[in-house]
Amino acid sequence: MLKLIILLLAIPTGLLIRYLCQDELKSGRFWIYWLFIISVILGVAFALMRIWYVADTLFFIAIVSFISLIRR
Protein backbone atom coordinates (compact mmCIF):
# COMPACT_ATOMS: atom_id res chain seq x y z
CA MET A 1 0.00 0.00 0.00
CA LEU A 2 2.84 2.38 0.85
CA LYS A 3 4.55 1.63 -2.47
CA LEU A 4 1.39 2.58 -4.35
CA ILE A 5 1.08 5.87 -2.47
CA ILE A 6 4.72 6.71 -3.17
CA LEU A 7 4.34 5.87 -6.86
CA LEU A 8 1.20 8.00 -7.08
CA LEU A 9 3.20 10.92 -5.69
CA ALA A 10 5.21 10.80 -8.91
CA ILE A 11 2.28 12.36 -10.78
CA PRO A 12 2.23 15.70 -8.91
CA THR A 13 6.03 15.68 -8.94
CA GLY A 14 6.04 15.41 -12.73
CA LEU A 15 3.48 18.19 -13.00
CA LEU A 16 5.53 20.41 -10.72
CA ILE A 17 8.68 19.80 -12.75
CA ARG A 18 6.74 20.55 -15.94
CA TYR A 19 5.48 23.83 -14.48
CA LEU A 20 8.79 25.02 -13.05
CA CYS A 21 11.14 23.91 -15.84
CA GLN A 22 9.30 24.57 -19.10
CA ASP A 23 12.27 25.97 -21.00
CA GLU A 24 14.62 23.17 -19.88
CA LEU A 25 12.07 20.57 -20.91
CA LYS A 26 11.97 21.98 -24.43
CA SER A 27 15.71 21.69 -24.94
CA GLY A 28 16.08 18.39 -23.08
CA ARG A 29 13.02 16.60 -24.46
CA PHE A 30 15.18 14.00 -26.24
CA TRP A 31 17.04 13.08 -23.04
CA ILE A 32 13.90 12.94 -20.93
CA TYR A 33 12.34 10.59 -23.49
CA TRP A 34 15.34 8.26 -23.25
CA LEU A 35 15.30 8.52 -19.45
CA PHE A 36 11.71 7.26 -19.55
CA ILE A 37 12.52 4.36 -21.90
CA ILE A 38 15.59 3.22 -19.96
CA SER A 39 13.81 3.54 -16.59
CA VAL A 40 10.96 1.33 -17.76
CA ILE A 41 13.27 -1.33 -19.20
CA LEU A 42 15.53 -1.43 -16.16
CA GLY A 43 12.54 -1.26 -13.80
CA VAL A 44 11.04 -4.37 -15.38
CA ALA A 45 14.42 -6.11 -15.29
CA PHE A 46 14.94 -5.38 -11.60
CA ALA A 47 11.35 -6.36 -10.82
CA LEU A 48 11.95 -9.71 -12.49
CA MET A 49 15.09 -10.11 -10.37
CA ARG A 50 12.96 -9.21 -7.32
CA ILE A 51 15.11 -6.25 -6.31
CA TRP A 52 12.09 -4.17 -5.42
CA TYR A 53 13.66 -1.01 -4.04
CA VAL A 54 15.58 -0.40 -7.27
CA ALA A 55 12.56 -1.30 -9.42
CA ASP A 56 10.32 1.07 -7.44
CA THR A 57 12.83 3.89 -7.81
CA LEU A 58 13.08 3.34 -11.55
CA PHE A 59 9.30 3.22 -11.94
CA PHE A 60 9.04 6.50 -10.00
CA ILE A 61 11.56 8.08 -12.38
CA ALA A 62 9.66 6.68 -15.36
CA ILE A 63 6.35 8.13 -14.16
CA VAL A 64 7.85 11.55 -13.46
CA SER A 65 9.55 11.74 -16.84
CA PHE A 66 6.43 10.48 -18.65
CA ILE A 67 4.20 13.08 -16.99
CA SER A 68 6.76 15.77 -17.80
CA LEU A 69 6.75 14.72 -21.45
CA ILE A 70 3.01 14.44 -22.08
CA ARG A 71 1.91 17.68 -20.43
CA ARG A 72 2.06 20.45 -23.03
PDB file of N, CA and C in Angstrom:
ATOM      1  N   MET A   1       0.824  -1.188   0.000  1.00  0.00           N
ATOM      2  CA  MET A   1       0.000   0.000   0.000  1.00  0.00           C
ATOM      3  C   MET A   1       0.879   1.267   0.000  1.00  0.00           C
ATOM      4  N   LEU A   2       1.939   1.228   0.777  1.00  0.00           N
ATOM      5  CA  LEU A   2       2.839   2.376   0.846  1.00  0.00           C
ATOM      6  C   LEU A   2       3.543   2.601  -0.489  1.00  0.00           C
ATOM      7  N   LYS A   3       3.903   1.504  -1.167  1.00  0.00           N
ATOM      8  CA  LYS A   3       4.546   1.628  -2.474  1.00  0.00           C
ATOM      9  C   LYS A   3       3.621   2.318  -3.470  1.00  0.00           C
ATOM     10  N   LEU A   4       2.362   1.970  -3.435  1.00  0.00           N
ATOM     11  CA  LEU A   4       1.394   2.575  -4.351  1.00  0.00           C
ATOM     12  C   LEU A   4       1.242   4.072  -4.080  1.00  0.00           C
ATOM     13  N   ILE A   5       1.198   4.452  -2.823  1.00  0.00           N
ATOM     14  CA  ILE A   5       1.080   5.871  -2.470  1.00  0.00           C
ATOM     15  C   ILE A   5       2.313   6.642  -2.940  1.00  0.00           C
ATOM     16  N   ILE A   6       3.487   6.052  -2.741  1.00  0.00           N
ATOM     17  CA  ILE A   6       4.718   6.713  -3.168  1.00  0.00           C
ATOM     18  C   ILE A   6       4.766   6.838  -4.685  1.00  0.00           C
ATOM     19  N   LEU A   7       4.350   5.786  -5.402  1.00  0.00           N
ATOM     20  CA  LEU A   7       4.337   5.865  -6.861  1.00  0.00           C
ATOM     21  C   LEU A   7       3.309   6.870  -7.364  1.00  0.00           C
ATOM     22  N   LEU A   8       2.192   7.010  -6.672  1.00  0.00           N
ATOM     23  CA  LEU A   8       1.203   8.004  -7.077  1.00  0.00           C
ATOM     24  C   LEU A   8       1.693   9.432  -6.840  1.00  0.00           C
ATOM     25  N   LEU A   9       2.616   9.598  -5.916  1.00  0.00           N
ATOM     26  CA  LEU A   9       3.199  10.923  -5.685  1.00  0.00           C
ATOM     27  C   LEU A   9       4.092  11.359  -6.842  1.00  0.00           C
ATOM     28  N   ALA A  10       4.416  10.452  -7.733  1.00  0.00           N
ATOM     29  CA  ALA A  10       5.214  10.804  -8.907  1.00  0.00           C
ATOM     30  C   ALA A  10       4.423  11.689  -9.861  1.00  0.00           C
ATOM     31  N   ILE A  11       3.100  11.563  -9.864  1.00  0.00           N
ATOM     32  CA  ILE A  11       2.278  12.364 -10.776  1.00  0.00           C
ATOM     33  C   ILE A  11       2.351  13.855 -10.435  1.00  0.00           C
ATOM     34  N   PRO A  12       2.080  14.261  -9.186  1.00  0.00           N
ATOM     35  CA  PRO A  12       2.234  15.695  -8.909  1.00  0.00           C
ATOM     36  C   PRO A  12       3.675  16.184  -9.021  1.00  0.00           C
ATOM     37  N   THR A  13       4.630  15.306  -8.778  1.00  0.00           N
ATOM     38  CA  THR A  13       6.030  15.683  -8.938  1.00  0.00           C
ATOM     39  C   THR A  13       6.343  15.995 -10.392  1.00  0.00           C
ATOM     40  N   GLY A  14       5.851  15.158 -11.303  1.00  0.00           N
ATOM     41  CA  GLY A  14       6.040  15.411 -12.731  1.00  0.00           C
ATOM     42  C   GLY A  14       5.365  16.690 -13.180  1.00  0.00           C
ATOM     43  N   LEU A  15       4.177  16.946 -12.649  1.00  0.00           N
ATOM     44  CA  LEU A  15       3.475  18.187 -12.996  1.00  0.00           C
ATOM     45  C   LEU A  15       4.220  19.408 -12.474  1.00  0.00           C
ATOM     46  N   LEU A  16       4.780  19.296 -11.282  1.00  0.00           N
ATOM     47  CA  LEU A  16       5.535  20.412 -10.718  1.00  0.00           C
ATOM     48  C   LEU A  16       6.803  20.677 -11.523  1.00  0.00           C
ATOM     49  N   ILE A  17       7.487  19.623 -11.918  1.00  0.00           N
ATOM     50  CA  ILE A  17       8.682  19.797 -12.749  1.00  0.00           C
ATOM     51  C   ILE A  17       8.305  20.434 -14.079  1.00  0.00           C
ATOM     52  N   ARG A  18       7.199  19.988 -14.660  1.00  0.00           N
ATOM     53  CA  ARG A  18       6.742  20.550 -15.940  1.00  0.00           C
ATOM     54  C   ARG A  18       6.442  22.044 -15.800  1.00  0.00           C
ATOM     55  N   TYR A  19       5.838  22.424 -14.698  1.00  0.00           N
ATOM     56  CA  TYR A  19       5.480  23.829 -14.485  1.00  0.00           C
ATOM     57  C   TYR A  19       6.712  24.701 -14.233  1.00  0.00           C
ATOM     58  N   LEU A  20       7.645  24.204 -13.440  1.00  0.00           N
ATOM     59  CA  LEU A  20       8.788  25.024 -13.049  1.00  0.00           C
ATOM     60  C   LEU A  20       9.899  25.053 -14.093  1.00  0.00           C
ATOM     61  N   CYS A  21       9.991  24.040 -14.934  1.00  0.00           N
ATOM     62  CA  CYS A  21      11.138  23.911 -15.839  1.00  0.00           C
ATOM     63  C   CYS A  21      10.702  23.807 -17.294  1.00  0.00           C
ATOM     64  N   GLN A  22       9.825  24.667 -17.746  1.00  0.00           N
ATOM     65  CA  GLN A  22       9.299  24.567 -19.103  1.00  0.00           C
ATOM     66  C   GLN A  22      10.376  24.761 -20.163  1.00  0.00           C
ATOM     67  N   ASP A  23      11.252  25.727 -19.977  1.00  0.00           N
ATOM     68  CA  ASP A  23      12.274  25.972 -20.998  1.00  0.00           C
ATOM     69  C   ASP A  23      13.330  24.863 -21.033  1.00  0.00           C
ATOM     70  N   GLU A  24      13.668  24.276 -19.878  1.00  0.00           N
ATOM     71  CA  GLU A  24      14.623  23.172 -19.875  1.00  0.00           C
ATOM     72  C   GLU A  24      14.015  21.923 -20.489  1.00  0.00           C
ATOM     73  N   LEU A  25      12.715  21.744 -20.338  1.00  0.00           N
ATOM     74  CA  LEU A  25      12.068  20.571 -20.911  1.00  0.00           C
ATOM     75  C   LEU A  25      12.028  20.644 -22.437  1.00  0.00           C
ATOM     76  N   LYS A  26      11.972  21.853 -22.972  1.00  0.00           N
ATOM     77  CA  LYS A  26      11.970  21.980 -24.433  1.00  0.00           C
ATOM     78  C   LYS A  26      13.316  21.564 -25.015  1.00  0.00           C
ATOM     79  N   SER A  27      14.386  22.010 -24.400  1.00  0.00           N
ATOM     80  CA  SER A  27      15.709  21.688 -24.939  1.00  0.00           C
ATOM     81  C   SER A  27      16.151  20.268 -24.586  1.00  0.00           C
ATOM     82  N   GLY A  28      15.654  19.720 -23.501  1.00  0.00           N
ATOM     83  CA  GLY A  28      16.080  18.390 -23.082  1.00  0.00           C
ATOM     84  C   GLY A  28      15.052  17.308 -23.313  1.00  0.00           C
ATOM     85  N   ARG A  29      14.106  17.559 -24.204  1.00  0.00           N
ATOM     86  CA  ARG A  29      13.024  16.599 -24.456  1.00  0.00           C
ATOM     87  C   ARG A  29      13.561  15.243 -24.907  1.00  0.00           C
ATOM     88  N   PHE A  30      14.586  15.237 -25.749  1.00  0.00           N
ATOM     89  CA  PHE A  30      15.184  13.999 -26.241  1.00  0.00           C
ATOM     90  C   PHE A  30      15.720  13.160 -25.079  1.00  0.00           C
ATOM     91  N   TRP A  31      16.419  13.799 -24.149  1.00  0.00           N
ATOM     92  CA  TRP A  31      17.035  13.076 -23.042  1.00  0.00           C
ATOM     93  C   TRP A  31      15.991  12.597 -22.045  1.00  0.00           C
ATOM     94  N   ILE A  32      14.949  13.361 -21.839  1.00  0.00           N
ATOM     95  CA  ILE A  32      13.896  12.936 -20.928  1.00  0.00           C
ATOM     96  C   ILE A  32      13.140  11.741 -21.511  1.00  0.00           C
ATOM     97  N   TYR A  33      12.967  11.733 -22.827  1.00  0.00           N
ATOM     98  CA  TYR A  33      12.339  10.585 -23.488  1.00  0.00           C
ATOM     99  C   TYR A  33      13.170   9.325 -23.267  1.00  0.00           C
ATOM    100  N   TRP A  34      14.482   9.420 -23.448  1.00  0.00           N
ATOM    101  CA  TRP A  34      15.340   8.257 -23.250  1.00  0.00           C
ATOM    102  C   TRP A  34      15.429   7.863 -21.783  1.00  0.00           C
ATOM    103  N   LEU A  35      15.343   8.822 -20.875  1.00  0.00           N
ATOM    104  CA  LEU A  35      15.300   8.516 -19.453  1.00  0.00           C
ATOM    105  C   LEU A  35      14.069   7.681 -19.130  1.00  0.00           C
ATOM    106  N   PHE A  36      12.941   8.029 -19.743  1.00  0.00           N
ATOM    107  CA  PHE A  36      11.711   7.262 -19.545  1.00  0.00           C
ATOM    108  C   PHE A  36      11.866   5.832 -20.064  1.00  0.00           C
ATOM    109  N   ILE A  37      12.373   5.681 -21.287  1.00  0.00           N
ATOM    110  CA  ILE A  37      12.517   4.358 -21.897  1.00  0.00           C
ATOM    111  C   ILE A  37      13.465   3.476 -21.071  1.00  0.00           C
ATOM    112  N   ILE A  38      14.609   4.006 -20.706  1.00  0.00           N
ATOM    113  CA  ILE A  38      15.594   3.225 -19.955  1.00  0.00           C
ATOM    114  C   ILE A  38      15.073   2.884 -18.562  1.00  0.00           C
ATOM    115  N   SER A  39      14.358   3.804 -17.921  1.00  0.00           N
ATOM    116  CA  SER A  39      13.809   3.535 -16.593  1.00  0.00           C
ATOM    117  C   SER A  39      12.779   2.413 -16.626  1.00  0.00           C
ATOM    118  N   VAL A  40      11.950   2.392 -17.656  1.00  0.00           N
ATOM    119  CA  VAL A  40      10.956   1.326 -17.759  1.00  0.00           C
ATOM    120  C   VAL A  40      11.633  -0.024 -17.986  1.00  0.00           C
ATOM    121  N   ILE A  41      12.582  -0.065 -18.898  1.00  0.00           N
ATOM    122  CA  ILE A  41      13.272  -1.332 -19.202  1.00  0.00           C
ATOM    123  C   ILE A  41      14.021  -1.856 -17.980  1.00  0.00           C
ATOM    124  N   LEU A  42      14.783  -0.990 -17.346  1.00  0.00           N
ATOM    125  CA  LEU A  42      15.531  -1.429 -16.164  1.00  0.00           C
ATOM    126  C   LEU A  42      14.605  -1.735 -14.986  1.00  0.00           C
ATOM    127  N   GLY A  43      13.504  -0.992 -14.866  1.00  0.00           N
ATOM    128  CA  GLY A  43      12.543  -1.265 -13.801  1.00  0.00           C
ATOM    129  C   GLY A  43      11.931  -2.647 -13.934  1.00  0.00           C
ATOM    130  N   VAL A  44      11.574  -3.025 -15.148  1.00  0.00           N
ATOM    131  CA  VAL A  44      11.039  -4.368 -15.378  1.00  0.00           C
ATOM    132  C   VAL A  44      12.111  -5.422 -15.097  1.00  0.00           C
ATOM    133  N   ALA A  45      13.332  -5.149 -15.522  1.00  0.00           N
ATOM    134  CA  ALA A  45      14.422  -6.109 -15.293  1.00  0.00           C
ATOM    135  C   ALA A  45      14.669  -6.320 -13.800  1.00  0.00           C
ATOM    136  N   PHE A  46      14.713  -5.246 -13.033  1.00  0.00           N
ATOM    137  CA  PHE A  46      14.940  -5.383 -11.597  1.00  0.00           C
ATOM    138  C   PHE A  46      13.726  -5.980 -10.889  1.00  0.00           C
ATOM    139  N   ALA A  47      12.538  -5.734 -11.397  1.00  0.00           N
ATOM    140  CA  ALA A  47      11.348  -6.358 -10.816  1.00  0.00           C
ATOM    141  C   ALA A  47      11.374  -7.869 -11.057  1.00  0.00           C
ATOM    142  N   LEU A  48      11.836  -8.285 -12.215  1.00  0.00           N
ATOM    143  CA  LEU A  48      11.953  -9.713 -12.488  1.00  0.00           C
ATOM    144  C   LEU A  48      13.023 -10.372 -11.623  1.00  0.00           C
ATOM    145  N   MET A  49      14.046  -9.600 -11.259  1.00  0.00           N
ATOM    146  CA  MET A  49      15.088 -10.111 -10.370  1.00  0.00           C
ATOM    147  C   MET A  49      14.687  -9.981  -8.903  1.00  0.00           C
ATOM    148  N   ARG A  50      13.514  -9.404  -8.665  1.00  0.00           N
ATOM    149  CA  ARG A  50      12.955  -9.208  -7.319  1.00  0.00           C
ATOM    150  C   ARG A  50      13.816  -8.293  -6.440  1.00  0.00           C
ATOM    151  N   ILE A  51      14.408  -7.293  -7.056  1.00  0.00           N
ATOM    152  CA  ILE A  51      15.113  -6.245  -6.310  1.00  0.00           C
ATOM    153  C   ILE A  51      14.163  -5.057  -6.319  1.00  0.00           C
ATOM    154  N   TRP A  52      13.252  -5.060  -5.369  1.00  0.00           N
ATOM    155  CA  TRP A  52      12.094  -4.174  -5.423  1.00  0.00           C
ATOM    156  C   TRP A  52      12.432  -2.713  -5.194  1.00  0.00           C
ATOM    157  N   TYR A  53      13.377  -2.413  -4.323  1.00  0.00           N
ATOM    158  CA  TYR A  53      13.656  -1.007  -4.037  1.00  0.00           C
ATOM    159  C   TYR A  53      14.242  -0.304  -5.257  1.00  0.00           C
ATOM    160  N   VAL A  54      15.034  -0.998  -6.050  1.00  0.00           N
ATOM    161  CA  VAL A  54      15.577  -0.404  -7.273  1.00  0.00           C
ATOM    162  C   VAL A  54      14.481  -0.293  -8.326  1.00  0.00           C
ATOM    163  N   ALA A  55      13.652  -1.319  -8.443  1.00  0.00           N
ATOM    164  CA  ALA A  55      12.556  -1.298  -9.418  1.00  0.00           C
ATOM    165  C   ALA A  55      11.572  -0.177  -9.100  1.00  0.00           C
ATOM    166  N   ASP A  56      11.237   0.004  -7.828  1.00  0.00           N
ATOM    167  CA  ASP A  56      10.317   1.074  -7.444  1.00  0.00           C
ATOM    168  C   ASP A  56      10.896   2.451  -7.750  1.00  0.00           C
ATOM    169  N   THR A  57      12.177   2.623  -7.493  1.00  0.00           N
ATOM    170  CA  THR A  57      12.829   3.894  -7.809  1.00  0.00           C
ATOM    171  C   THR A  57      12.806   4.177  -9.302  1.00  0.00           C
ATOM    172  N   LEU A  58      13.083   3.163 -10.103  1.00  0.00           N
ATOM    173  CA  LEU A  58      13.080   3.336 -11.554  1.00  0.00           C
ATOM    174  C   LEU A  58      11.674   3.602 -12.085  1.00  0.00           C
ATOM    175  N   PHE A  59      10.673   2.955 -11.509  1.00  0.00           N
ATOM    176  CA  PHE A  59       9.298   3.222 -11.935  1.00  0.00           C
ATOM    177  C   PHE A  59       8.865   4.635 -11.550  1.00  0.00           C
ATOM    178  N   PHE A  60       9.321   5.121 -10.391  1.00  0.00           N
ATOM    179  CA  PHE A  60       9.035   6.498  -9.996  1.00  0.00           C
ATOM    180  C   PHE A  60       9.652   7.467 -11.004  1.00  0.00           C
ATOM    181  N   ILE A  61      10.895   7.230 -11.386  1.00  0.00           N
ATOM    182  CA  ILE A  61      11.562   8.076 -12.375  1.00  0.00           C
ATOM    183  C   ILE A  61      10.837   8.025 -13.710  1.00  0.00           C
ATOM    184  N   ALA A  62      10.382   6.837 -14.100  1.00  0.00           N
ATOM    185  CA  ALA A  62       9.659   6.684 -15.362  1.00  0.00           C
ATOM    186  C   ALA A  62       8.354   7.457 -15.350  1.00  0.00           C
ATOM    187  N   ILE A  63       7.621   7.406 -14.245  1.00  0.00           N
ATOM    188  CA  ILE A  63       6.350   8.129 -14.163  1.00  0.00           C
ATOM    189  C   ILE A  63       6.577   9.636 -14.213  1.00  0.00           C
ATOM    190  N   VAL A  64       7.561  10.117 -13.468  1.00  0.00           N
ATOM    191  CA  VAL A  64       7.852  11.555 -13.460  1.00  0.00           C
ATOM    192  C   VAL A  64       8.253  12.039 -14.851  1.00  0.00           C
ATOM    193  N   SER A  65       9.118  11.301 -15.511  1.00  0.00           N
ATOM    194  CA  SER A  65       9.551  11.735 -16.840  1.00  0.00           C
ATOM    195  C   SER A  65       8.420  11.624 -17.854  1.00  0.00           C
ATOM    196  N   PHE A  66       7.557  10.613 -17.736  1.00  0.00           N
ATOM    197  CA  PHE A  66       6.428  10.480 -18.650  1.00  0.00           C
ATOM    198  C   PHE A  66       5.441  11.625 -18.481  1.00  0.00           C
ATOM    199  N   ILE A  67       5.121  11.963 -17.252  1.00  0.00           N
ATOM    200  CA  ILE A  67       4.200  13.081 -16.988  1.00  0.00           C
ATOM    201  C   ILE A  67       4.812  14.387 -17.491  1.00  0.00           C
ATOM    202  N   SER A  68       6.103  14.564 -17.322  1.00  0.00           N
ATOM    203  CA  SER A  68       6.761  15.771 -17.796  1.00  0.00           C
ATOM    204  C   SER A  68       6.726  15.860 -19.312  1.00  0.00           C
ATOM    205  N   LEU A  69       6.770  14.722 -19.993  1.00  0.00           N
ATOM    206  CA  LEU A  69       6.749  14.722 -21.451  1.00  0.00           C
ATOM    207  C   LEU A  69       5.367  14.955 -22.033  1.00  0.00           C
ATOM    208  N   ILE A  70       4.332  14.372 -21.443  1.00  0.00           N
ATOM    209  CA  ILE A  70       3.012  14.444 -22.083  1.00  0.00           C
ATOM    210  C   ILE A  70       2.275  15.739 -21.800  1.00  0.00           C
ATOM    211  N   ARG A  71       2.600  16.432 -20.749  1.00  0.00           N
ATOM    212  CA  ARG A  71       1.908  17.677 -20.428  1.00  0.00           C
ATOM    213  C   ARG A  71       2.458  18.794 -21.307  1.00  0.00           C
ATOM    214  N   ARG A  72       1.596  19.391 -22.147  1.00  0.00           N
ATOM    215  CA  ARG A  72       2.061  20.448 -23.033  1.00  0.00           C
ATOM    216  C   ARG A  72       1.491  21.772 -22.640  1.00  0.00           C
TER     217      ARG A  72
END
